[in-house]
PDB file of N, CA and C in Angstrom:
ATOM      1  N   MET A   1       5.519  15.634  14.653  1.00  0.00           N
ATOM      2  CA  MET A   1       4.651  14.596  14.391  1.00  0.00           C
ATOM      3  C   MET A   1       5.507  13.343  14.448  1.00  0.00           C
ATOM      4  N   GLY A   2       5.321  12.467  15.531  1.00  0.00           N
ATOM      5  CA  GLY A   2       5.954  11.156  15.554  1.00  0.00           C
ATOM      6  C   GLY A   2       7.430  11.080  15.507  1.00  0.00           C
ATOM      7  N   THR A   3       8.001  10.036  15.310  1.00  0.00           N
ATOM      8  CA  THR A   3       9.359   9.795  15.052  1.00  0.00           C
ATOM      9  C   THR A   3      10.023  10.704  14.037  1.00  0.00           C
ATOM     10  N   LYS A   4      10.868  11.551  14.540  1.00  0.00           N
ATOM     11  CA  LYS A   4      11.439  12.712  13.600  1.00  0.00           C
ATOM     12  C   LYS A   4      10.367  13.160  12.525  1.00  0.00           C
ATOM     13  N   GLU A   5       9.301  13.586  13.107  1.00  0.00           N
ATOM     14  CA  GLU A   5       8.199  14.287  12.185  1.00  0.00           C
ATOM     15  C   GLU A   5       7.659  13.468  11.311  1.00  0.00           C
ATOM     16  N   ARG A   6       7.857  12.037  11.574  1.00  0.00           N
ATOM     17  CA  ARG A   6       7.096  11.182  10.775  1.00  0.00           C
ATOM     18  C   ARG A   6       6.050  10.336  11.462  1.00  0.00           C
ATOM     19  N   PRO A   7       4.873  10.034  10.964  1.00  0.00           N
ATOM     20  CA  PRO A   7       3.900   9.124  11.683  1.00  0.00           C
ATOM     21  C   PRO A   7       4.467   7.665  11.387  1.00  0.00           C
ATOM     22  N   ARG A   8       3.902   6.766  12.254  1.00  0.00           N
ATOM     23  CA  ARG A   8       4.260   5.375  12.138  1.00  0.00           C
ATOM     24  C   ARG A   8       3.265   4.587  11.461  1.00  0.00           C
ATOM     25  N   LEU A   9       3.577   3.873  10.418  1.00  0.00           N
ATOM     26  CA  LEU A   9       2.704   3.026   9.724  1.00  0.00           C
ATOM     27  C   LEU A   9       2.879   1.732  10.246  1.00  0.00           C
ATOM     28  N   CYS A  10       1.830   1.291  11.060  1.00  0.00           N
ATOM     29  CA  CYS A  10       1.872   0.081  11.854  1.00  0.00           C
ATOM     30  C   CYS A  10       0.943  -0.969  11.273  1.00  0.00           C
ATOM     31  N   VAL A  11       1.514  -2.159  11.001  1.00  0.00           N
ATOM     32  CA  VAL A  11       0.763  -3.259  10.322  1.00  0.00           C
ATOM     33  C   VAL A  11       0.637  -4.366  11.301  1.00  0.00           C
ATOM     34  N   PHE A  12      -0.732  -4.831  11.241  1.00  0.00           N
ATOM     35  CA  PHE A  12      -1.025  -6.152  11.935  1.00  0.00           C
ATOM     36  C   PHE A  12      -1.740  -7.100  11.085  1.00  0.00           C
ATOM     37  N   LYS A  13      -1.466  -8.369  11.375  1.00  0.00           N
ATOM     38  CA  LYS A  13      -2.135  -9.384  10.375  1.00  0.00           C
ATOM     39  C   LYS A  13      -2.591 -10.417  11.320  1.00  0.00           C
ATOM     40  N   SER A  14      -3.876 -10.923  10.956  1.00  0.00           N
ATOM     41  CA  SER A  14      -4.492 -11.988  11.630  1.00  0.00           C
ATOM     42  C   SER A  14      -4.451 -13.262  10.786  1.00  0.00           C
ATOM     43  N   ASP A  15      -5.134 -14.248  11.155  1.00  0.00           N
ATOM     44  CA  ASP A  15      -5.104 -15.394  10.207  1.00  0.00           C
ATOM     45  C   ASP A  15      -5.796 -15.097   8.920  1.00  0.00           C
ATOM     46  N   GLN A  16      -6.832 -14.318   9.060  1.00  0.00           N
ATOM     47  CA  GLN A  16      -7.680 -13.922   7.890  1.00  0.00           C
ATOM     48  C   GLN A  16      -7.516 -12.464   7.309  1.00  0.00           C
ATOM     49  N   HIS A  17      -7.081 -11.470   8.108  1.00  0.00           N
ATOM     50  CA  HIS A  17      -7.078 -10.174   7.669  1.00  0.00           C
ATOM     51  C   HIS A  17      -5.764  -9.454   7.895  1.00  0.00           C
ATOM     52  N   VAL A  18      -5.606  -8.232   7.244  1.00  0.00           N
ATOM     53  CA  VAL A  18      -4.576  -7.412   7.457  1.00  0.00           C
ATOM     54  C   VAL A  18      -5.116  -6.063   7.867  1.00  0.00           C
ATOM     55  N   TYR A  19      -4.425  -5.256   8.771  1.00  0.00           N
ATOM     56  CA  TYR A  19      -4.830  -4.000   9.140  1.00  0.00           C
ATOM     57  C   TYR A  19      -3.626  -3.042   9.190  1.00  0.00           C
ATOM     58  N   ALA A  20      -3.839  -1.853   8.930  1.00  0.00           N
ATOM     59  CA  ALA A  20      -2.783  -0.879   8.841  1.00  0.00           C
ATOM     60  C   ALA A  20      -3.175   0.612   9.266  1.00  0.00           C
ATOM     61  N   GLN A  21      -2.477   1.164  10.101  1.00  0.00           N
ATOM     62  CA  GLN A  21      -2.880   2.392  10.751  1.00  0.00           C
ATOM     63  C   GLN A  21      -1.629   3.337  10.626  1.00  0.00           C
ATOM     64  N   LEU A  22      -1.964   4.634  10.484  1.00  0.00           N
ATOM     65  CA  LEU A  22      -0.864   5.623  10.534  1.00  0.00           C
ATOM     66  C   LEU A  22      -1.136   6.385  11.801  1.00  0.00           C
ATOM     67  N   ILE A  23      -0.128   6.361  12.856  1.00  0.00           N
ATOM     68  CA  ILE A  23      -0.177   6.769  14.108  1.00  0.00           C
ATOM     69  C   ILE A  23       0.803   7.798  14.387  1.00  0.00           C
ATOM     70  N   ASP A  24       0.452   8.960  15.013  1.00  0.00           N
ATOM     71  CA  ASP A  24       1.177  10.003  15.384  1.00  0.00           C
ATOM     72  C   ASP A  24       1.597   9.718  16.923  1.00  0.00           C
ATOM     73  N   ASP A  25       2.797   9.308  17.173  1.00  0.00           N
ATOM     74  CA  ASP A  25       3.089   8.890  18.495  1.00  0.00           C
ATOM     75  C   ASP A  25       3.316   9.967  19.437  1.00  0.00           C
ATOM     76  N   GLU A  26       3.463  11.376  19.092  1.00  0.00           N
ATOM     77  CA  GLU A  26       3.577  12.580  20.024  1.00  0.00           C
ATOM     78  C   GLU A  26       2.174  12.781  20.551  1.00  0.00           C
ATOM     79  N   THR A  27       1.017  12.720  19.858  1.00  0.00           N
ATOM     80  CA  THR A  27      -0.263  12.953  20.307  1.00  0.00           C
ATOM     81  C   THR A  27      -1.046  11.671  20.680  1.00  0.00           C
ATOM     82  N   GLY A  28      -0.456  10.506  20.076  1.00  0.00           N
ATOM     83  CA  GLY A  28      -1.043   9.263  20.445  1.00  0.00           C
ATOM     84  C   GLY A  28      -2.320   9.005  19.801  1.00  0.00           C
ATOM     85  N   LYS A  29      -2.431   9.701  18.578  1.00  0.00           N
ATOM     86  CA  LYS A  29      -3.826   9.516  17.736  1.00  0.00           C
ATOM     87  C   LYS A  29      -3.643   8.923  16.430  1.00  0.00           C
ATOM     88  N   VAL A  30      -4.518   8.033  16.037  1.00  0.00           N
ATOM     89  CA  VAL A  30      -4.596   7.319  14.795  1.00  0.00           C
ATOM     90  C   VAL A  30      -5.113   8.410  13.727  1.00  0.00           C
ATOM     91  N   LEU A  31      -4.072   8.562  12.771  1.00  0.00           N
ATOM     92  CA  LEU A  31      -4.465   9.458  11.705  1.00  0.00           C
ATOM     93  C   LEU A  31      -5.345   8.868  10.673  1.00  0.00           C
ATOM     94  N   VAL A  32      -5.000   7.692  10.233  1.00  0.00           N
ATOM     95  CA  VAL A  32      -5.714   6.795   9.248  1.00  0.00           C
ATOM     96  C   VAL A  32      -5.698   5.446   9.585  1.00  0.00           C
ATOM     97  N   ALA A  33      -6.792   4.585   9.320  1.00  0.00           N
ATOM     98  CA  ALA A  33      -6.813   3.168   9.542  1.00  0.00           C
ATOM     99  C   ALA A  33      -7.588   2.544   8.403  1.00  0.00           C
ATOM    100  N   ILE A  34      -6.891   1.359   7.821  1.00  0.00           N
ATOM    101  CA  ILE A  34      -7.536   0.667   6.719  1.00  0.00           C
ATOM    102  C   ILE A  34      -7.383  -0.699   7.103  1.00  0.00           C
ATOM    103  N   SER A  35      -8.324  -1.581   6.600  1.00  0.00           N
ATOM    104  CA  SER A  35      -8.277  -3.007   6.754  1.00  0.00           C
ATOM    105  C   SER A  35      -8.910  -3.747   5.495  1.00  0.00           C
ATOM    106  N   ASP A  36      -8.716  -5.003   5.419  1.00  0.00           N
ATOM    107  CA  ASP A  36      -9.442  -5.708   4.368  1.00  0.00           C
ATOM    108  C   ASP A  36     -10.468  -6.485   4.640  1.00  0.00           C
ATOM    109  N   VAL A  37     -11.067  -6.151   5.661  1.00  0.00           N
ATOM    110  CA  VAL A  37     -12.146  -6.973   6.265  1.00  0.00           C
ATOM    111  C   VAL A  37     -13.338  -7.041   5.358  1.00  0.00           C
ATOM    112  N   LYS A  38     -13.581  -6.223   4.491  1.00  0.00           N
ATOM    113  CA  LYS A  38     -14.752  -6.219   3.554  1.00  0.00           C
ATOM    114  C   LYS A  38     -14.184  -6.638   2.105  1.00  0.00           C
ATOM    115  N   ALA A  39     -13.038  -6.963   1.984  1.00  0.00           N
ATOM    116  CA  ALA A  39     -12.590  -7.513   0.760  1.00  0.00           C
ATOM    117  C   ALA A  39     -13.272  -8.874   0.363  1.00  0.00           C
ATOM    118  N   LYS A  40     -13.514  -9.001  -0.900  1.00  0.00           N
ATOM    119  CA  LYS A  40     -14.339 -10.309  -1.141  1.00  0.00           C
ATOM    120  C   LYS A  40     -13.470 -11.320  -2.007  1.00  0.00           C
ATOM    121  N   LYS A  41     -13.043 -10.810  -3.093  1.00  0.00           N
ATOM    122  CA  LYS A  41     -12.341 -11.704  -4.054  1.00  0.00           C
ATOM    123  C   LYS A  41     -10.790 -11.506  -3.963  1.00  0.00           C
ATOM    124  N   GLY A  42     -10.049 -12.506  -4.313  1.00  0.00           N
ATOM    125  CA  GLY A  42      -8.546 -12.407  -4.432  1.00  0.00           C
ATOM    126  C   GLY A  42      -7.854 -13.174  -3.273  1.00  0.00           C
ATOM    127  N   THR A  43      -6.551 -13.214  -3.305  1.00  0.00           N
ATOM    128  CA  THR A  43      -5.695 -13.832  -2.181  1.00  0.00           C
ATOM    129  C   THR A  43      -5.474 -12.796  -1.250  1.00  0.00           C
ATOM    130  N   LYS A  44      -4.986 -13.315  -0.204  1.00  0.00           N
ATOM    131  CA  LYS A  44      -4.669 -12.527   0.941  1.00  0.00           C
ATOM    132  C   LYS A  44      -3.595 -11.503   0.835  1.00  0.00           C
ATOM    133  N   VAL A  45      -2.587 -11.905  -0.130  1.00  0.00           N
ATOM    134  CA  VAL A  45      -1.546 -10.984  -0.486  1.00  0.00           C
ATOM    135  C   VAL A  45      -2.057  -9.940  -1.368  1.00  0.00           C
ATOM    136  N   MET A  46      -3.037 -10.254  -2.112  1.00  0.00           N
ATOM    137  CA  MET A  46      -3.704  -9.344  -3.123  1.00  0.00           C
ATOM    138  C   MET A  46      -4.399  -8.237  -2.138  1.00  0.00           C
ATOM    139  N   HIS A  47      -5.105  -8.692  -1.109  1.00  0.00           N
ATOM    140  CA  HIS A  47      -5.823  -7.708  -0.283  1.00  0.00           C
ATOM    141  C   HIS A  47      -4.848  -6.821   0.545  1.00  0.00           C
ATOM    142  N   ALA A  48      -3.785  -7.469   0.862  1.00  0.00           N
ATOM    143  CA  ALA A  48      -2.665  -6.736   1.669  1.00  0.00           C
ATOM    144  C   ALA A  48      -2.061  -5.533   0.680  1.00  0.00           C
ATOM    145  N   LEU A  49      -1.764  -5.852  -0.497  1.00  0.00           N
ATOM    146  CA  LEU A  49      -1.369  -4.974  -1.357  1.00  0.00           C
ATOM    147  C   LEU A  49      -2.172  -3.685  -1.586  1.00  0.00           C
ATOM    148  N   GLU A  50      -3.613  -3.992  -1.694  1.00  0.00           N
ATOM    149  CA  GLU A  50      -4.690  -3.028  -1.825  1.00  0.00           C
ATOM    150  C   GLU A  50      -4.667  -2.170  -0.498  1.00  0.00           C
ATOM    151  N   VAL A  51      -4.634  -2.857   0.556  1.00  0.00           N
ATOM    152  CA  VAL A  51      -4.565  -2.058   1.884  1.00  0.00           C
ATOM    153  C   VAL A  51      -3.414  -1.109   1.885  1.00  0.00           C
ATOM    154  N   GLY A  52      -2.245  -1.504   1.525  1.00  0.00           N
ATOM    155  CA  GLY A  52      -1.194  -0.517   1.286  1.00  0.00           C
ATOM    156  C   GLY A  52      -1.405   0.546   0.330  1.00  0.00           C
ATOM    157  N   LYS A  53      -1.987   0.271  -0.779  1.00  0.00           N
ATOM    158  CA  LYS A  53      -2.294   1.396  -1.599  1.00  0.00           C
ATOM    159  C   LYS A  53      -3.372   2.294  -1.114  1.00  0.00           C
ATOM    160  N   LEU A  54      -4.330   1.818  -0.426  1.00  0.00           N
ATOM    161  CA  LEU A  54      -5.408   2.725   0.257  1.00  0.00           C
ATOM    162  C   LEU A  54      -4.847   3.597   1.303  1.00  0.00           C
ATOM    163  N   ILE A  55      -4.020   3.010   2.038  1.00  0.00           N
ATOM    164  CA  ILE A  55      -3.420   3.752   3.127  1.00  0.00           C
ATOM    165  C   ILE A  55      -2.532   4.960   2.756  1.00  0.00           C
ATOM    166  N   ALA A  56      -1.802   4.614   1.542  1.00  0.00           N
ATOM    167  CA  ALA A  56      -0.854   5.697   0.981  1.00  0.00           C
ATOM    168  C   ALA A  56      -1.871   6.718   0.407  1.00  0.00           C
ATOM    169  N   LYS A  57      -2.886   6.392  -0.174  1.00  0.00           N
ATOM    170  CA  LYS A  57      -3.715   7.385  -0.811  1.00  0.00           C
ATOM    171  C   LYS A  57      -4.446   8.187   0.234  1.00  0.00           C
ATOM    172  N   GLU A  58      -4.790   7.679   1.376  1.00  0.00           N
ATOM    173  CA  GLU A  58      -5.459   8.395   2.497  1.00  0.00           C
ATOM    174  C   GLU A  58      -4.400   9.368   3.084  1.00  0.00           C
ATOM    175  N   ALA A  59      -3.088   8.858   3.231  1.00  0.00           N
ATOM    176  CA  ALA A  59      -2.113   9.596   3.794  1.00  0.00           C
ATOM    177  C   ALA A  59      -1.653  10.799   2.882  1.00  0.00           C
ATOM    178  N   ILE A  60      -1.592  10.609   1.613  1.00  0.00           N
ATOM    179  CA  ILE A  60      -1.312  11.654   0.669  1.00  0.00           C
ATOM    180  C   ILE A  60      -2.439  12.637   0.779  1.00  0.00           C
ATOM    181  N   ALA A  61      -3.594  12.350   0.896  1.00  0.00           N
ATOM    182  CA  ALA A  61      -4.727  13.269   1.017  1.00  0.00           C
ATOM    183  C   ALA A  61      -4.576  14.207   2.277  1.00  0.00           C
ATOM    184  N   LYS A  62      -3.863  13.524   3.241  1.00  0.00           N
ATOM    185  CA  LYS A  62      -3.685  14.390   4.506  1.00  0.00           C
ATOM    186  C   LYS A  62      -2.314  14.992   4.563  1.00  0.00           C
ATOM    187  N   LYS A  63      -1.664  14.999   3.406  1.00  0.00           N
ATOM    188  CA  LYS A  63      -0.282  15.748   3.146  1.00  0.00           C
ATOM    189  C   LYS A  63       0.752  15.049   3.972  1.00  0.00           C
ATOM    190  N   ILE A  64       0.690  13.807   4.012  1.00  0.00           N
ATOM    191  CA  ILE A  64       1.764  12.895   4.702  1.00  0.00           C
ATOM    192  C   ILE A  64       2.411  12.115   3.538  1.00  0.00           C
ATOM    193  N   GLU A  65       3.705  12.315   3.297  1.00  0.00           N
ATOM    194  CA  GLU A  65       4.446  11.583   2.345  1.00  0.00           C
ATOM    195  C   GLU A  65       5.536  10.585   2.989  1.00  0.00           C
ATOM    196  N   LYS A  66       6.056  10.926   4.145  1.00  0.00           N
ATOM    197  CA  LYS A  66       6.984  10.064   4.810  1.00  0.00           C
ATOM    198  C   LYS A  66       6.643   9.424   6.048  1.00  0.00           C
ATOM    199  N   VAL A  67       6.851   8.186   6.166  1.00  0.00           N
ATOM    200  CA  VAL A  67       6.315   7.452   7.447  1.00  0.00           C
ATOM    201  C   VAL A  67       7.562   6.488   7.928  1.00  0.00           C
ATOM    202  N   VAL A  68       7.335   6.015   9.026  1.00  0.00           N
ATOM    203  CA  VAL A  68       8.164   4.943   9.531  1.00  0.00           C
ATOM    204  C   VAL A  68       7.359   3.710   9.628  1.00  0.00           C
ATOM    205  N   PHE A  69       7.932   2.741   8.842  1.00  0.00           N
ATOM    206  CA  PHE A  69       7.232   1.407   8.768  1.00  0.00           C
ATOM    207  C   PHE A  69       7.550   0.515  10.102  1.00  0.00           C
ATOM    208  N   ASP A  70       6.452   0.133  10.793  1.00  0.00           N
ATOM    209  CA  ASP A  70       6.414  -0.816  11.837  1.00  0.00           C
ATOM    210  C   ASP A  70       5.671  -2.101  11.591  1.00  0.00           C
ATOM    211  N   ARG A  71       6.452  -3.069  11.421  1.00  0.00           N
ATOM    212  CA  ARG A  71       6.013  -4.431  11.180  1.00  0.00           C
ATOM    213  C   ARG A  71       5.493  -5.100  12.212  1.00  0.00           C
ATOM    214  N   GLY A  72       5.464  -4.551  13.492  1.00  0.00           N
ATOM    215  CA  GLY A  72       4.809  -5.055  14.678  1.00  0.00           C
ATOM    216  C   GLY A  72       5.313  -6.549  15.055  1.00  0.00           C
ATOM    217  N   GLY A  73       6.570  -6.745  14.675  1.00  0.00           N
ATOM    218  CA  GLY A  73       7.214  -8.117  15.116  1.00  0.00           C
ATOM    219  C   GLY A  73       7.094  -9.099  14.190  1.00  0.00           C
ATOM    220  N   PHE A  74       6.278  -8.853  13.065  1.00  0.00           N
ATOM    221  CA  PHE A  74       6.009  -9.905  11.951  1.00  0.00           C
ATOM    222  C   PHE A  74       7.240  -9.811  11.184  1.00  0.00           C
ATOM    223  N   VAL A  75       7.506 -11.015  10.466  1.00  0.00           N
ATOM    224  CA  VAL A  75       8.569 -11.230   9.528  1.00  0.00           C
ATOM    225  C   VAL A  75       8.200 -10.350   8.324  1.00  0.00           C
ATOM    226  N   PHE A  76       9.262  -9.625   7.668  1.00  0.00           N
ATOM    227  CA  PHE A  76       8.929  -8.823   6.481  1.00  0.00           C
ATOM    228  C   PHE A  76       8.808  -9.870   5.357  1.00  0.00           C
ATOM    229  N   HIS A  77       7.634 -10.367   5.230  1.00  0.00           N
ATOM    230  CA  HIS A  77       7.501 -11.393   4.161  1.00  0.00           C
ATOM    231  C   HIS A  77       6.131 -11.524   3.963  1.00  0.00           C
ATOM    232  N   GLY A  78       5.628 -11.889   2.621  1.00  0.00           N
ATOM    233  CA  GLY A  78       4.222 -12.230   2.405  1.00  0.00           C
ATOM    234  C   GLY A  78       3.255 -10.997   2.565  1.00  0.00           C
ATOM    235  N   ARG A  79       2.370 -11.024   3.388  1.00  0.00           N
ATOM    236  CA  ARG A  79       1.317  -9.980   3.421  1.00  0.00           C
ATOM    237  C   ARG A  79       1.922  -8.772   4.148  1.00  0.00           C
ATOM    238  N   ILE A  80       2.967  -8.809   4.918  1.00  0.00           N
ATOM    239  CA  ILE A  80       3.569  -7.540   5.538  1.00  0.00           C
ATOM    240  C   ILE A  80       4.255  -6.901   4.411  1.00  0.00           C
ATOM    241  N   LYS A  81       4.968  -7.555   3.665  1.00  0.00           N
ATOM    242  CA  LYS A  81       5.747  -7.051   2.471  1.00  0.00           C
ATOM    243  C   LYS A  81       4.892  -6.523   1.466  1.00  0.00           C
ATOM    244  N   ALA A  82       3.726  -7.167   1.209  1.00  0.00           N
ATOM    245  CA  ALA A  82       2.747  -6.675   0.394  1.00  0.00           C
ATOM    246  C   ALA A  82       2.074  -5.215   0.702  1.00  0.00           C
ATOM    247  N   VAL A  83       1.872  -5.100   2.039  1.00  0.00           N
ATOM    248  CA  VAL A  83       1.485  -3.876   2.458  1.00  0.00           C
ATOM    249  C   VAL A  83       2.465  -2.720   2.275  1.00  0.00           C
ATOM    250  N   ALA A  84       3.735  -2.936   2.510  1.00  0.00           N
ATOM    251  CA  ALA A  84       4.711  -2.183   2.261  1.00  0.00           C
ATOM    252  C   ALA A  84       4.998  -1.779   0.778  1.00  0.00           C
ATOM    253  N   ASP A  85       4.912  -2.733  -0.024  1.00  0.00           N
ATOM    254  CA  ASP A  85       4.882  -2.473  -1.483  1.00  0.00           C
ATOM    255  C   ASP A  85       3.866  -1.700  -2.062  1.00  0.00           C
ATOM    256  N   GLY A  86       2.695  -1.898  -1.513  1.00  0.00           N
ATOM    257  CA  GLY A  86       1.458  -1.101  -1.866  1.00  0.00           C
ATOM    258  C   GLY A  86       1.506   0.314  -1.528  1.00  0.00           C
ATOM    259  N   ALA A  87       2.038   0.436  -0.353  1.00  0.00           N
ATOM    260  CA  ALA A  87       2.258   1.733   0.293  1.00  0.00           C
ATOM    261  C   ALA A  87       3.322   2.583  -0.504  1.00  0.00           C
ATOM    262  N   ARG A  88       4.332   1.925  -1.018  1.00  0.00           N
ATOM    263  CA  ARG A  88       5.359   2.546  -1.845  1.00  0.00           C
ATOM    264  C   ARG A  88       4.788   2.836  -3.271  1.00  0.00           C
ATOM    265  N   GLU A  89       4.013   2.064  -3.665  1.00  0.00           N
ATOM    266  CA  GLU A  89       3.406   2.254  -5.153  1.00  0.00           C
ATOM    267  C   GLU A  89       2.473   3.472  -4.860  1.00  0.00           C
ATOM    268  N   GLY A  90       1.875   3.581  -3.757  1.00  0.00           N
ATOM    269  CA  GLY A  90       0.969   4.682  -3.526  1.00  0.00           C
ATOM    270  C   GLY A  90       1.542   5.971  -3.340  1.00  0.00           C
ATOM    271  N   GLY A  91       2.846   6.121  -3.093  1.00  0.00           N
ATOM    272  CA  GLY A  91       3.580   7.342  -3.035  1.00  0.00           C
ATOM    273  C   GLY A  91       4.163   7.443  -1.555  1.00  0.00           C
ATOM    274  N   LEU A  92       3.960   6.677  -0.629  1.00  0.00           N
ATOM    275  CA  LEU A  92       4.677   6.883   0.558  1.00  0.00           C
ATOM    276  C   LEU A  92       6.173   6.525   0.403  1.00  0.00           C
ATOM    277  N   LYS A  93       6.906   7.258   1.368  1.00  0.00           N
ATOM    278  CA  LYS A  93       8.380   6.925   1.468  1.00  0.00           C
ATOM    279  C   LYS A  93       8.690   6.516   2.744  1.00  0.00           C
ATOM    280  N   PHE A  94       9.492   5.520   3.067  1.00  0.00           N
ATOM    281  CA  PHE A  94       9.961   5.150   4.264  1.00  0.00           C
ATOM    282  C   PHE A  94      11.295   4.348   4.256  1.00  0.00           C
TER     283      PHE A  94
END
């Protein structure tokens, strides 16, 4: 499974939303995908933290505990860091 048997946690942010996917690079398949498109209240950073927690919950349900974090060229700050923090809180290790 992916890089050293770990899927890749790929994060993308637009001006309004944040998206996260777990990708198995060996097969080229998306295992889990989460976004904050339907989030209503709160700040963008709060939404990003929730995306991290939700993707961790889905990954743990699929028996995935270790991932490689791919920030997609974005600086590790603000919403990107919030996704990482949420994923760690949810139980993922990277």
